[in-house]
């Protein structure tokens, strides 16, 4: 694996991950509202493992090339984002009323599943992998193309996990202990997820109209 290409990819991946989006909204809400970080981040990473495996195994291009499959994925992802956003927004008031001793930690499994839904059902994440990874995989490199793509996916997922753990811990320590901030951040996170879902739907509708 060419180290120059790998480092360039890592720098680009870090830049993209630092841009707030649905992942950020989910992690902030989990850390600030429920003080849950590990399972939430694990779920997000798990979703990217699924997408990465799809790209490495060659399934991703098939999905991207078949409009109906991508449409189904888009609507499923959008519906899930909107549902999770509304659920998060509605939980803001009760989250602000709780103290640290009152918090009942939800099932870790539930947060893993929710996190995987946020990342794996995002069609933009799949298309991002399809557009990004091949640019850093060299056809003449000693490593097989599949191995290079797998390494690039692993690098992206590790950086993603590192950033989101730090983000979640910051939300839990700096925001989660302040009821007023917890309410605000939880509501912002909920609205953000709903907006992401609506944007996904709008983009698909515009494509059909055009």
N, C-alpha and C. Protein backbone atom coordinates (compact mmCIF):
# COMPACT_ATOMS: atom_id res chain seq x y z
N UNK A 1 0.85 -1.19 0.00
CA UNK A 1 0.00 0.00 0.00
C UNK A 1 0.89 1.24 0.00
N UNK A 2 0.62 2.15 -0.93
CA UNK A 2 1.41 3.37 -1.03
C UNK A 2 1.11 4.28 0.15
N UNK A 3 2.15 4.61 0.93
CA UNK A 3 1.95 5.39 2.15
C UNK A 3 1.53 6.83 1.84
N UNK A 4 2.03 7.38 0.73
CA UNK A 4 1.65 8.74 0.37
C UNK A 4 0.16 8.82 0.10
N UNK A 5 -0.34 7.86 -0.67
CA UNK A 5 -1.77 7.82 -0.96
C UNK A 5 -2.58 7.57 0.30
N UNK A 6 -2.05 6.71 1.17
CA UNK A 6 -2.77 6.40 2.41
C UNK A 6 -2.87 7.62 3.32
N UNK A 7 -1.78 8.36 3.45
CA UNK A 7 -1.78 9.56 4.29
C UNK A 7 -2.67 10.65 3.70
N UNK A 8 -2.64 10.77 2.38
CA UNK A 8 -3.50 11.76 1.72
C UNK A 8 -4.97 11.42 1.94
N UNK A 9 -5.28 10.12 1.86
CA UNK A 9 -6.66 9.69 2.10
C UNK A 9 -7.06 9.95 3.55
N UNK A 10 -6.15 9.66 4.49
CA UNK A 10 -6.45 9.88 5.90
C UNK A 10 -6.75 11.35 6.18
N UNK A 11 -5.97 12.25 5.58
CA UNK A 11 -6.19 13.68 5.77
C UNK A 11 -7.54 14.10 5.20
N UNK A 12 -7.88 13.59 4.02
CA UNK A 12 -9.17 13.93 3.41
C UNK A 12 -10.32 13.35 4.23
N UNK A 13 -10.15 12.11 4.69
CA UNK A 13 -11.19 11.46 5.50
C UNK A 13 -11.45 12.26 6.78
N UNK A 14 -10.39 12.71 7.44
CA UNK A 14 -10.54 13.50 8.65
C UNK A 14 -11.31 14.79 8.37
N UNK A 15 -10.99 15.42 7.25
CA UNK A 15 -11.69 16.66 6.89
C UNK A 15 -13.18 16.41 6.69
N UNK A 16 -13.51 15.34 5.99
CA UNK A 16 -14.91 15.03 5.72
C UNK A 16 -15.66 14.65 7.00
N UNK A 17 -15.00 13.90 7.88
CA UNK A 17 -15.64 13.47 9.12
C UNK A 17 -15.90 14.64 10.05
N UNK A 18 -15.04 15.67 9.99
CA UNK A 18 -15.21 16.84 10.85
C UNK A 18 -16.35 17.74 10.41
N UNK A 19 -16.92 17.48 9.23
CA UNK A 19 -18.08 18.27 8.78
C UNK A 19 -19.33 17.72 9.46
N UNK A 20 -20.04 18.54 10.22
CA UNK A 20 -21.23 18.05 10.94
C UNK A 20 -22.29 17.51 9.99
N UNK A 21 -22.94 16.45 10.42
CA UNK A 21 -24.01 15.85 9.64
C UNK A 21 -24.87 14.97 10.53
N UNK A 22 -25.51 13.98 9.93
CA UNK A 22 -26.40 13.10 10.69
C UNK A 22 -25.64 12.33 11.77
N UNK A 23 -24.42 11.89 11.45
CA UNK A 23 -23.61 11.17 12.43
C UNK A 23 -23.37 12.04 13.67
N UNK A 24 -22.99 13.29 13.43
CA UNK A 24 -22.74 14.21 14.54
C UNK A 24 -23.99 14.38 15.38
N UNK A 25 -25.12 14.56 14.72
CA UNK A 25 -26.38 14.78 15.45
C UNK A 25 -26.68 13.58 16.35
N UNK A 26 -26.50 12.39 15.82
CA UNK A 26 -26.78 11.18 16.61
C UNK A 26 -25.83 11.06 17.79
N UNK A 27 -24.54 11.28 17.57
CA UNK A 27 -23.55 11.16 18.64
C UNK A 27 -23.77 12.22 19.71
N UNK A 28 -24.04 13.45 19.30
CA UNK A 28 -24.28 14.52 20.27
C UNK A 28 -25.50 14.23 21.12
N UNK A 29 -26.57 13.78 20.49
CA UNK A 29 -27.79 13.47 21.23
C UNK A 29 -27.55 12.31 22.19
N UNK A 30 -26.83 11.29 21.75
CA UNK A 30 -26.57 10.13 22.60
C UNK A 30 -25.71 10.50 23.80
N UNK A 31 -24.67 11.30 23.56
CA UNK A 31 -23.77 11.68 24.65
C UNK A 31 -24.40 12.65 25.61
N UNK A 32 -25.07 13.68 25.09
CA UNK A 32 -25.63 14.73 25.95
C UNK A 32 -26.88 14.27 26.67
N UNK A 33 -27.75 13.55 25.98
CA UNK A 33 -29.04 13.20 26.55
C UNK A 33 -28.96 11.96 27.43
N UNK A 34 -28.34 10.89 26.91
CA UNK A 34 -28.35 9.60 27.61
C UNK A 34 -26.99 9.19 28.15
N UNK A 35 -25.95 10.03 27.92
CA UNK A 35 -24.60 9.71 28.40
C UNK A 35 -24.11 8.38 27.83
N UNK A 36 -24.55 8.07 26.62
CA UNK A 36 -24.15 6.83 25.96
C UNK A 36 -23.22 7.18 24.80
N UNK A 37 -21.99 6.68 24.83
CA UNK A 37 -21.02 7.02 23.80
C UNK A 37 -20.55 5.79 23.04
N UNK A 38 -20.00 4.82 23.76
CA UNK A 38 -19.41 3.64 23.12
C UNK A 38 -20.35 2.92 22.17
N UNK A 39 -21.52 2.50 22.63
CA UNK A 39 -22.43 1.79 21.72
C UNK A 39 -22.88 2.63 20.54
N UNK A 40 -23.10 3.94 20.77
CA UNK A 40 -23.52 4.81 19.67
C UNK A 40 -22.43 4.91 18.61
N UNK A 41 -21.20 5.12 19.04
CA UNK A 41 -20.08 5.20 18.09
C UNK A 41 -19.86 3.85 17.42
N UNK A 42 -19.98 2.78 18.19
CA UNK A 42 -19.83 1.44 17.62
C UNK A 42 -20.85 1.17 16.53
N UNK A 43 -22.07 1.66 16.74
CA UNK A 43 -23.09 1.48 15.71
C UNK A 43 -22.76 2.24 14.44
N UNK A 44 -22.32 3.49 14.60
CA UNK A 44 -21.93 4.28 13.42
C UNK A 44 -20.80 3.57 12.67
N UNK A 45 -19.80 3.10 13.40
CA UNK A 45 -18.68 2.41 12.76
C UNK A 45 -19.15 1.12 12.09
N UNK A 46 -20.07 0.42 12.75
CA UNK A 46 -20.60 -0.81 12.16
C UNK A 46 -21.30 -0.56 10.84
N UNK A 47 -22.04 0.55 10.78
CA UNK A 47 -22.70 0.90 9.52
C UNK A 47 -21.70 1.15 8.41
N UNK A 48 -20.60 1.81 8.74
CA UNK A 48 -19.57 2.06 7.74
C UNK A 48 -18.84 0.78 7.35
N UNK A 49 -18.76 -0.17 8.27
CA UNK A 49 -18.18 -1.47 7.92
C UNK A 49 -19.04 -2.14 6.85
N UNK A 50 -20.36 -2.06 7.03
CA UNK A 50 -21.28 -2.65 6.05
C UNK A 50 -21.11 -1.98 4.69
N UNK A 51 -21.08 -0.64 4.67
CA UNK A 51 -20.91 0.07 3.41
C UNK A 51 -19.55 -0.22 2.78
N UNK A 52 -18.51 -0.26 3.63
CA UNK A 52 -17.18 -0.55 3.12
C UNK A 52 -17.10 -1.94 2.51
N UNK A 53 -17.72 -2.90 3.17
CA UNK A 53 -17.74 -4.27 2.65
C UNK A 53 -18.47 -4.33 1.31
N UNK A 54 -19.55 -3.55 1.20
CA UNK A 54 -20.29 -3.51 -0.07
C UNK A 54 -19.42 -2.99 -1.20
N UNK A 55 -18.63 -1.97 -0.91
CA UNK A 55 -17.77 -1.40 -1.94
C UNK A 55 -16.62 -2.36 -2.27
N UNK A 56 -15.99 -2.93 -1.24
CA UNK A 56 -14.86 -3.83 -1.47
C UNK A 56 -15.28 -5.07 -2.25
N UNK A 57 -16.48 -5.58 -1.95
CA UNK A 57 -16.95 -6.80 -2.61
C UNK A 57 -17.58 -6.53 -3.97
N UNK A 58 -17.70 -5.24 -4.33
CA UNK A 58 -18.24 -4.91 -5.64
C UNK A 58 -19.74 -4.77 -5.68
N UNK A 59 -20.39 -4.80 -4.50
CA UNK A 59 -21.85 -4.68 -4.46
C UNK A 59 -22.26 -3.22 -4.61
N UNK A 60 -21.43 -2.32 -4.07
CA UNK A 60 -21.76 -0.90 -4.09
C UNK A 60 -22.04 -0.35 -5.48
N UNK A 61 -21.15 -0.61 -6.46
CA UNK A 61 -21.42 -0.09 -7.81
C UNK A 61 -22.73 -0.60 -8.40
N UNK A 62 -23.10 -1.86 -8.07
CA UNK A 62 -24.35 -2.42 -8.56
C UNK A 62 -25.53 -1.64 -8.00
N UNK A 63 -25.48 -1.35 -6.68
CA UNK A 63 -26.55 -0.59 -6.04
C UNK A 63 -26.64 0.80 -6.65
N UNK A 64 -25.49 1.43 -6.84
CA UNK A 64 -25.48 2.79 -7.38
C UNK A 64 -25.96 2.83 -8.83
N UNK A 65 -25.76 1.73 -9.56
CA UNK A 65 -26.12 1.70 -10.98
C UNK A 65 -27.59 1.37 -11.22
N UNK A 66 -28.24 0.80 -10.22
CA UNK A 66 -29.66 0.42 -10.36
C UNK A 66 -30.51 1.47 -9.66
N UNK A 67 -31.17 2.35 -10.40
CA UNK A 67 -31.93 3.46 -9.79
C UNK A 67 -32.93 3.00 -8.74
N UNK A 68 -33.63 1.89 -8.98
CA UNK A 68 -34.66 1.44 -8.05
C UNK A 68 -34.06 1.06 -6.70
N UNK A 69 -32.91 0.39 -6.72
CA UNK A 69 -32.27 -0.01 -5.47
C UNK A 69 -31.83 1.21 -4.68
N UNK A 70 -31.26 2.20 -5.37
CA UNK A 70 -30.81 3.40 -4.69
C UNK A 70 -32.01 4.21 -4.18
N UNK A 71 -33.10 4.18 -4.92
CA UNK A 71 -34.31 4.89 -4.48
C UNK A 71 -34.87 4.27 -3.21
N UNK A 72 -34.93 2.95 -3.19
CA UNK A 72 -35.41 2.25 -1.98
C UNK A 72 -34.53 2.57 -0.79
N UNK A 73 -33.21 2.54 -1.01
CA UNK A 73 -32.27 2.85 0.06
C UNK A 73 -32.45 4.29 0.54
N UNK A 74 -32.67 5.21 -0.41
CA UNK A 74 -32.85 6.61 -0.05
C UNK A 74 -34.10 6.82 0.80
N UNK A 75 -35.21 6.25 0.38
CA UNK A 75 -36.45 6.41 1.13
C UNK A 75 -36.37 5.74 2.50
N UNK A 76 -35.73 4.58 2.55
CA UNK A 76 -35.58 3.90 3.84
C UNK A 76 -34.71 4.73 4.78
N UNK A 77 -33.60 5.24 4.26
CA UNK A 77 -32.71 6.06 5.08
C UNK A 77 -33.37 7.35 5.53
N UNK A 78 -34.09 8.00 4.61
CA UNK A 78 -34.76 9.26 4.94
C UNK A 78 -35.83 9.04 6.00
N UNK A 79 -36.62 7.99 5.83
CA UNK A 79 -37.68 7.70 6.80
C UNK A 79 -37.09 7.40 8.18
N UNK A 80 -35.98 6.66 8.19
CA UNK A 80 -35.34 6.35 9.47
C UNK A 80 -34.79 7.60 10.13
N UNK A 81 -34.17 8.48 9.35
CA UNK A 81 -33.62 9.73 9.88
C UNK A 81 -34.72 10.60 10.49
N UNK A 82 -35.83 10.72 9.76
CA UNK A 82 -36.94 11.55 10.24
C UNK A 82 -37.53 10.95 11.52
N UNK A 83 -37.72 9.65 11.52
CA UNK A 83 -38.26 8.98 12.71
C UNK A 83 -37.35 9.18 13.92
N UNK A 84 -36.06 8.96 13.72
CA UNK A 84 -35.11 9.10 14.83
C UNK A 84 -34.99 10.56 15.27
N UNK A 85 -35.06 11.49 14.31
CA UNK A 85 -35.00 12.91 14.65
C UNK A 85 -36.18 13.36 15.49
N UNK A 86 -37.39 12.94 15.10
CA UNK A 86 -38.58 13.29 15.86
C UNK A 86 -38.52 12.68 17.26
N UNK A 87 -38.08 11.45 17.32
CA UNK A 87 -37.95 10.77 18.62
C UNK A 87 -36.95 11.49 19.51
N UNK A 88 -35.84 11.91 18.92
CA UNK A 88 -34.82 12.63 19.68
C UNK A 88 -35.33 13.98 20.16
N UNK A 89 -35.99 14.71 19.27
CA UNK A 89 -36.52 16.04 19.62
C UNK A 89 -37.54 15.93 20.76
N UNK A 90 -38.42 14.96 20.70
CA UNK A 90 -39.46 14.81 21.71
C UNK A 90 -38.90 14.39 23.07
N UNK A 91 -37.71 13.80 23.05
CA UNK A 91 -37.11 13.36 24.31
C UNK A 91 -36.33 14.47 25.01
N UNK A 92 -36.22 15.65 24.38
CA UNK A 92 -35.38 16.72 24.91
C UNK A 92 -35.85 17.20 26.28
N UNK A 93 -37.16 17.39 26.44
CA UNK A 93 -37.68 17.92 27.71
C UNK A 93 -37.38 16.98 28.87
N UNK A 94 -37.60 15.69 28.66
CA UNK A 94 -37.35 14.74 29.74
C UNK A 94 -35.86 14.61 30.01
N UNK A 95 -35.04 14.75 28.95
CA UNK A 95 -33.59 14.67 29.14
C UNK A 95 -33.09 15.81 30.01
N UNK A 96 -33.63 17.00 29.83
CA UNK A 96 -33.20 18.15 30.61
C UNK A 96 -33.63 18.06 32.05
N UNK A 97 -34.69 17.31 32.32
CA UNK A 97 -35.19 17.20 33.69
C UNK A 97 -34.44 16.18 34.51
N UNK A 98 -33.63 15.34 33.85
CA UNK A 98 -32.92 14.28 34.56
C UNK A 98 -31.58 14.76 35.08
N UNK A 99 -31.19 14.22 36.20
CA UNK A 99 -29.84 14.42 36.72
C UNK A 99 -29.04 13.17 36.41
N UNK A 100 -27.76 13.25 36.62
CA UNK A 100 -26.90 12.10 36.30
C UNK A 100 -27.33 10.84 37.04
N UNK A 101 -27.80 10.99 38.29
CA UNK A 101 -28.20 9.83 39.08
C UNK A 101 -29.54 9.27 38.61
N UNK A 102 -30.30 10.07 37.87
CA UNK A 102 -31.62 9.63 37.41
C UNK A 102 -31.55 8.89 36.09
N UNK A 103 -30.45 9.04 35.38
CA UNK A 103 -30.38 8.51 34.03
C UNK A 103 -30.39 6.99 34.04
N UNK A 104 -31.28 6.42 33.24
CA UNK A 104 -31.32 4.97 33.05
C UNK A 104 -30.66 4.69 31.71
N UNK A 105 -29.53 4.00 31.74
CA UNK A 105 -28.78 3.75 30.51
C UNK A 105 -29.56 2.81 29.61
N UNK A 106 -29.87 3.22 28.38
CA UNK A 106 -30.60 2.35 27.46
C UNK A 106 -29.76 1.12 27.11
N UNK A 107 -30.40 0.16 26.48
CA UNK A 107 -29.70 -1.04 26.06
C UNK A 107 -28.60 -0.70 25.06
N UNK A 108 -27.37 -1.14 25.32
CA UNK A 108 -26.28 -0.87 24.36
C UNK A 108 -26.62 -1.39 22.97
N UNK A 109 -27.30 -2.52 22.94
CA UNK A 109 -27.66 -3.11 21.65
C UNK A 109 -28.55 -2.16 20.85
N UNK A 110 -29.46 -1.48 21.53
CA UNK A 110 -30.37 -0.55 20.85
C UNK A 110 -29.59 0.59 20.22
N UNK A 111 -28.57 1.08 20.90
CA UNK A 111 -27.79 2.19 20.35
C UNK A 111 -26.90 1.73 19.21
N UNK A 112 -26.42 0.50 19.27
CA UNK A 112 -25.64 -0.03 18.16
C UNK A 112 -26.51 -0.11 16.91
N UNK A 113 -27.73 -0.61 17.08
CA UNK A 113 -28.65 -0.75 15.95
C UNK A 113 -29.01 0.62 15.38
N UNK A 114 -29.31 1.58 16.26
CA UNK A 114 -29.65 2.92 15.78
C UNK A 114 -28.47 3.56 15.04
N UNK A 115 -27.29 3.41 15.59
CA UNK A 115 -26.12 3.99 14.94
C UNK A 115 -25.85 3.38 13.58
N UNK A 116 -26.02 2.06 13.48
CA UNK A 116 -25.84 1.40 12.18
C UNK A 116 -26.87 1.90 11.18
N UNK A 117 -28.09 2.15 11.66
CA UNK A 117 -29.11 2.67 10.77
C UNK A 117 -28.76 4.04 10.25
N UNK A 118 -28.20 4.89 11.12
CA UNK A 118 -27.84 6.25 10.72
C UNK A 118 -26.79 6.25 9.61
N UNK A 119 -25.77 5.43 9.74
CA UNK A 119 -24.69 5.44 8.74
C UNK A 119 -24.95 4.50 7.56
N UNK A 120 -25.42 3.29 7.83
CA UNK A 120 -25.58 2.31 6.75
C UNK A 120 -26.73 2.64 5.82
N UNK A 121 -27.76 3.33 6.33
CA UNK A 121 -28.92 3.65 5.49
C UNK A 121 -28.79 5.02 4.82
N UNK A 122 -27.62 5.62 4.93
CA UNK A 122 -27.40 6.91 4.29
C UNK A 122 -26.83 6.68 2.89
N UNK A 123 -27.64 6.87 1.84
CA UNK A 123 -27.14 6.61 0.48
C UNK A 123 -25.97 7.51 0.10
N UNK A 124 -25.90 8.70 0.69
CA UNK A 124 -24.78 9.60 0.38
C UNK A 124 -23.47 9.01 0.89
N UNK A 125 -23.51 8.29 1.99
CA UNK A 125 -22.30 7.66 2.51
C UNK A 125 -21.82 6.58 1.55
N UNK A 126 -22.76 5.82 1.01
CA UNK A 126 -22.38 4.79 0.04
C UNK A 126 -21.76 5.42 -1.20
N UNK A 127 -22.39 6.46 -1.72
CA UNK A 127 -21.87 7.13 -2.91
C UNK A 127 -20.53 7.80 -2.63
N UNK A 128 -20.36 8.28 -1.39
CA UNK A 128 -19.08 8.88 -1.01
C UNK A 128 -17.98 7.84 -1.06
N UNK A 129 -18.26 6.65 -0.54
CA UNK A 129 -17.28 5.58 -0.59
C UNK A 129 -16.96 5.20 -2.03
N UNK A 130 -18.00 5.15 -2.86
CA UNK A 130 -17.80 4.77 -4.25
C UNK A 130 -16.94 5.79 -4.99
N UNK A 131 -17.14 7.07 -4.67
CA UNK A 131 -16.40 8.13 -5.36
C UNK A 131 -15.01 8.33 -4.79
N UNK A 132 -14.86 8.08 -3.49
CA UNK A 132 -13.62 8.44 -2.80
C UNK A 132 -12.57 7.34 -2.83
N UNK A 133 -12.95 6.13 -2.48
CA UNK A 133 -11.97 5.06 -2.31
C UNK A 133 -11.17 4.73 -3.58
N UNK A 134 -11.83 4.60 -4.73
CA UNK A 134 -11.05 4.22 -5.92
C UNK A 134 -9.97 5.23 -6.30
N UNK A 135 -10.13 6.48 -5.91
CA UNK A 135 -9.14 7.49 -6.26
C UNK A 135 -7.80 7.26 -5.56
N UNK A 136 -7.81 6.52 -4.47
CA UNK A 136 -6.59 6.30 -3.69
C UNK A 136 -6.10 4.85 -3.79
N UNK A 137 -6.76 4.05 -4.60
CA UNK A 137 -6.32 2.68 -4.84
C UNK A 137 -5.57 2.64 -6.16
N UNK A 138 -4.32 2.23 -6.12
CA UNK A 138 -3.46 2.27 -7.30
C UNK A 138 -3.45 0.93 -8.01
N UNK A 139 -3.76 0.94 -9.30
CA UNK A 139 -3.85 -0.31 -10.06
C UNK A 139 -2.50 -1.02 -10.14
N UNK A 140 -1.39 -0.25 -10.15
CA UNK A 140 -0.07 -0.87 -10.29
C UNK A 140 0.62 -1.13 -8.96
N UNK A 141 -0.07 -0.94 -7.88
CA UNK A 141 0.52 -1.17 -6.56
C UNK A 141 0.71 -2.68 -6.32
N UNK A 142 1.68 -3.04 -5.45
CA UNK A 142 1.91 -4.47 -5.17
C UNK A 142 0.69 -5.15 -4.56
N UNK A 143 -0.11 -4.41 -3.78
CA UNK A 143 -1.28 -4.99 -3.13
C UNK A 143 -2.43 -5.12 -4.13
N UNK A 144 -3.23 -6.18 -4.01
CA UNK A 144 -4.44 -6.29 -4.85
C UNK A 144 -5.39 -5.12 -4.59
N UNK A 145 -6.20 -4.78 -5.58
CA UNK A 145 -7.13 -3.66 -5.45
C UNK A 145 -8.09 -3.87 -4.28
N UNK A 146 -8.56 -5.09 -4.11
CA UNK A 146 -9.49 -5.38 -3.02
C UNK A 146 -8.85 -5.10 -1.66
N UNK A 147 -7.58 -5.50 -1.51
CA UNK A 147 -6.88 -5.28 -0.24
C UNK A 147 -6.68 -3.79 0.01
N UNK A 148 -6.36 -3.03 -1.04
CA UNK A 148 -6.19 -1.58 -0.88
C UNK A 148 -7.49 -0.92 -0.44
N UNK A 149 -8.60 -1.30 -1.07
CA UNK A 149 -9.89 -0.73 -0.70
C UNK A 149 -10.25 -1.07 0.74
N UNK A 150 -9.94 -2.29 1.15
CA UNK A 150 -10.22 -2.71 2.52
C UNK A 150 -9.42 -1.88 3.53
N UNK A 151 -8.15 -1.63 3.21
CA UNK A 151 -7.31 -0.82 4.10
C UNK A 151 -7.84 0.60 4.18
N UNK A 152 -8.21 1.17 3.05
CA UNK A 152 -8.75 2.53 3.04
C UNK A 152 -10.04 2.61 3.86
N UNK A 153 -10.89 1.62 3.72
CA UNK A 153 -12.12 1.58 4.53
C UNK A 153 -11.79 1.52 6.01
N UNK A 154 -10.81 0.68 6.36
CA UNK A 154 -10.42 0.53 7.76
C UNK A 154 -9.89 1.85 8.32
N UNK A 155 -9.09 2.55 7.53
CA UNK A 155 -8.55 3.85 7.96
C UNK A 155 -9.68 4.84 8.20
N UNK A 156 -10.62 4.89 7.28
CA UNK A 156 -11.76 5.81 7.43
C UNK A 156 -12.54 5.48 8.71
N UNK A 157 -12.79 4.22 8.94
CA UNK A 157 -13.60 3.81 10.09
C UNK A 157 -12.88 4.10 11.41
N UNK A 158 -11.56 3.87 11.44
CA UNK A 158 -10.78 4.15 12.66
C UNK A 158 -10.78 5.65 12.97
N UNK A 159 -10.56 6.47 11.94
CA UNK A 159 -10.58 7.92 12.15
C UNK A 159 -11.97 8.37 12.59
N UNK A 160 -12.98 7.82 11.95
CA UNK A 160 -14.37 8.13 12.29
C UNK A 160 -14.64 7.80 13.76
N UNK A 161 -14.24 6.61 14.19
CA UNK A 161 -14.45 6.21 15.57
C UNK A 161 -13.73 7.10 16.56
N UNK A 162 -12.50 7.46 16.23
CA UNK A 162 -11.71 8.31 17.12
C UNK A 162 -12.36 9.69 17.30
N UNK A 163 -12.76 10.29 16.18
CA UNK A 163 -13.39 11.62 16.24
C UNK A 163 -14.71 11.56 17.00
N UNK A 164 -15.50 10.54 16.73
CA UNK A 164 -16.83 10.48 17.34
C UNK A 164 -16.78 10.10 18.82
N UNK A 165 -15.79 9.32 19.21
CA UNK A 165 -15.62 9.06 20.65
C UNK A 165 -15.31 10.36 21.38
N UNK A 166 -14.39 11.14 20.82
CA UNK A 166 -14.06 12.44 21.43
C UNK A 166 -15.27 13.36 21.47
N UNK A 167 -16.04 13.38 20.38
CA UNK A 167 -17.24 14.21 20.32
C UNK A 167 -18.28 13.76 21.33
N UNK A 168 -18.48 12.46 21.43
CA UNK A 168 -19.46 11.94 22.37
C UNK A 168 -19.07 12.18 23.81
N UNK A 169 -17.79 12.00 24.13
CA UNK A 169 -17.32 12.24 25.50
C UNK A 169 -17.44 13.71 25.86
N UNK A 170 -17.14 14.59 24.89
CA UNK A 170 -17.29 16.02 25.14
C UNK A 170 -18.74 16.38 25.40
N UNK A 171 -19.64 15.79 24.62
CA UNK A 171 -21.06 16.05 24.81
C UNK A 171 -21.52 15.55 26.17
N UNK A 172 -21.02 14.40 26.57
CA UNK A 172 -21.44 13.83 27.86
C UNK A 172 -20.91 14.63 29.03
N UNK A 173 -19.65 15.07 28.94
CA UNK A 173 -19.03 15.77 30.07
C UNK A 173 -19.38 17.25 30.11
N UNK A 174 -19.37 17.91 28.96
CA UNK A 174 -19.53 19.36 28.95
C UNK A 174 -20.98 19.79 28.79
N UNK A 175 -21.77 18.96 28.12
CA UNK A 175 -23.16 19.34 27.85
C UNK A 175 -24.13 18.54 28.69
N UNK A 176 -23.87 17.24 28.81
CA UNK A 176 -24.80 16.36 29.50
C UNK A 176 -25.01 16.70 30.96
N UNK A 177 -24.05 17.38 31.58
CA UNK A 177 -24.19 17.75 32.99
C UNK A 177 -24.90 19.09 33.17
N UNK A 178 -25.26 19.74 32.06
CA UNK A 178 -25.96 21.03 32.11
C UNK A 178 -27.33 20.85 31.48
N UNK A 179 -28.38 20.75 32.31
CA UNK A 179 -29.72 20.43 31.80
C UNK A 179 -30.18 21.34 30.66
N UNK A 180 -29.94 22.65 30.77
CA UNK A 180 -30.41 23.56 29.73
C UNK A 180 -29.71 23.29 28.41
N UNK A 181 -28.39 23.11 28.46
CA UNK A 181 -27.65 22.81 27.24
C UNK A 181 -28.07 21.46 26.67
N UNK A 182 -28.35 20.51 27.56
CA UNK A 182 -28.77 19.19 27.11
C UNK A 182 -30.04 19.28 26.28
N UNK A 183 -31.00 20.07 26.77
CA UNK A 183 -32.25 20.25 26.04
C UNK A 183 -32.00 20.88 24.68
N UNK A 184 -31.19 21.93 24.64
CA UNK A 184 -30.92 22.63 23.39
C UNK A 184 -30.22 21.72 22.39
N UNK A 185 -29.15 21.06 22.83
CA UNK A 185 -28.38 20.19 21.93
C UNK A 185 -29.23 19.04 21.44
N UNK A 186 -30.04 18.45 22.33
CA UNK A 186 -30.89 17.33 21.93
C UNK A 186 -31.90 17.77 20.87
N UNK A 187 -32.49 18.95 21.07
CA UNK A 187 -33.45 19.45 20.09
C UNK A 187 -32.78 19.79 18.76
N UNK A 188 -31.61 20.40 18.83
CA UNK A 188 -30.87 20.71 17.60
C UNK A 188 -30.52 19.43 16.87
N UNK A 189 -30.09 18.42 17.61
CA UNK A 189 -29.74 17.14 17.00
C UNK A 189 -30.97 16.51 16.34
N UNK A 190 -32.09 16.56 17.02
CA UNK A 190 -33.31 16.00 16.46
C UNK A 190 -33.73 16.71 15.19
N UNK A 191 -33.72 18.04 15.22
CA UNK A 191 -34.08 18.82 14.03
C UNK A 191 -33.11 18.54 12.89
N UNK A 192 -31.83 18.41 13.22
CA UNK A 192 -30.81 18.16 12.19
C UNK A 192 -31.08 16.84 11.47
N UNK A 193 -31.44 15.80 12.24
CA UNK A 193 -31.71 14.51 11.62
C UNK A 193 -32.96 14.56 10.74
N UNK A 194 -33.97 15.29 11.20
CA UNK A 194 -35.19 15.45 10.38
C UNK A 194 -34.85 16.18 9.09
N UNK A 195 -34.03 17.23 9.18
CA UNK A 195 -33.65 18.00 7.99
C UNK A 195 -32.88 17.12 7.00
N UNK A 196 -31.96 16.31 7.52
CA UNK A 196 -31.20 15.40 6.65
C UNK A 196 -32.16 14.47 5.92
N UNK A 197 -33.13 13.92 6.64
CA UNK A 197 -34.10 13.03 6.02
C UNK A 197 -34.92 13.73 4.95
N UNK A 198 -35.38 14.94 5.24
CA UNK A 198 -36.18 15.70 4.28
C UNK A 198 -35.36 16.08 3.04
N UNK A 199 -34.09 16.41 3.25
CA UNK A 199 -33.22 16.76 2.12
C UNK A 199 -33.03 15.55 1.21
N UNK A 200 -32.83 14.37 1.80
CA UNK A 200 -32.69 13.16 1.01
C UNK A 200 -33.93 12.92 0.16
N UNK A 201 -35.11 13.09 0.77
CA UNK A 201 -36.36 12.92 0.03
C UNK A 201 -36.51 13.96 -1.07
N UNK A 202 -36.20 15.20 -0.75
CA UNK A 202 -36.34 16.30 -1.71
C UNK A 202 -35.43 16.07 -2.92
N UNK A 203 -34.19 15.65 -2.67
CA UNK A 203 -33.26 15.42 -3.76
C UNK A 203 -33.76 14.32 -4.70
N UNK A 204 -34.34 13.28 -4.11
CA UNK A 204 -34.85 12.19 -4.94
C UNK A 204 -36.06 12.65 -5.75
N UNK A 205 -36.94 13.44 -5.14
CA UNK A 205 -38.11 13.94 -5.85
C UNK A 205 -37.70 14.86 -6.99
N UNK A 206 -36.71 15.71 -6.75
CA UNK A 206 -36.21 16.62 -7.78
C UNK A 206 -35.65 15.82 -8.95
N UNK A 207 -34.95 14.73 -8.67
CA UNK A 207 -34.38 13.90 -9.74
C UNK A 207 -35.49 13.33 -10.61
N UNK A 208 -36.59 12.89 -9.99
CA UNK A 208 -37.69 12.33 -10.75
C UNK A 208 -38.38 13.40 -11.60
N UNK A 209 -38.57 14.59 -11.00
CA UNK A 209 -39.23 15.67 -11.73
C UNK A 209 -38.39 16.11 -12.92
N UNK A 210 -37.06 16.20 -12.67
CA UNK A 210 -36.16 16.61 -13.75
C UNK A 210 -36.08 15.56 -14.84
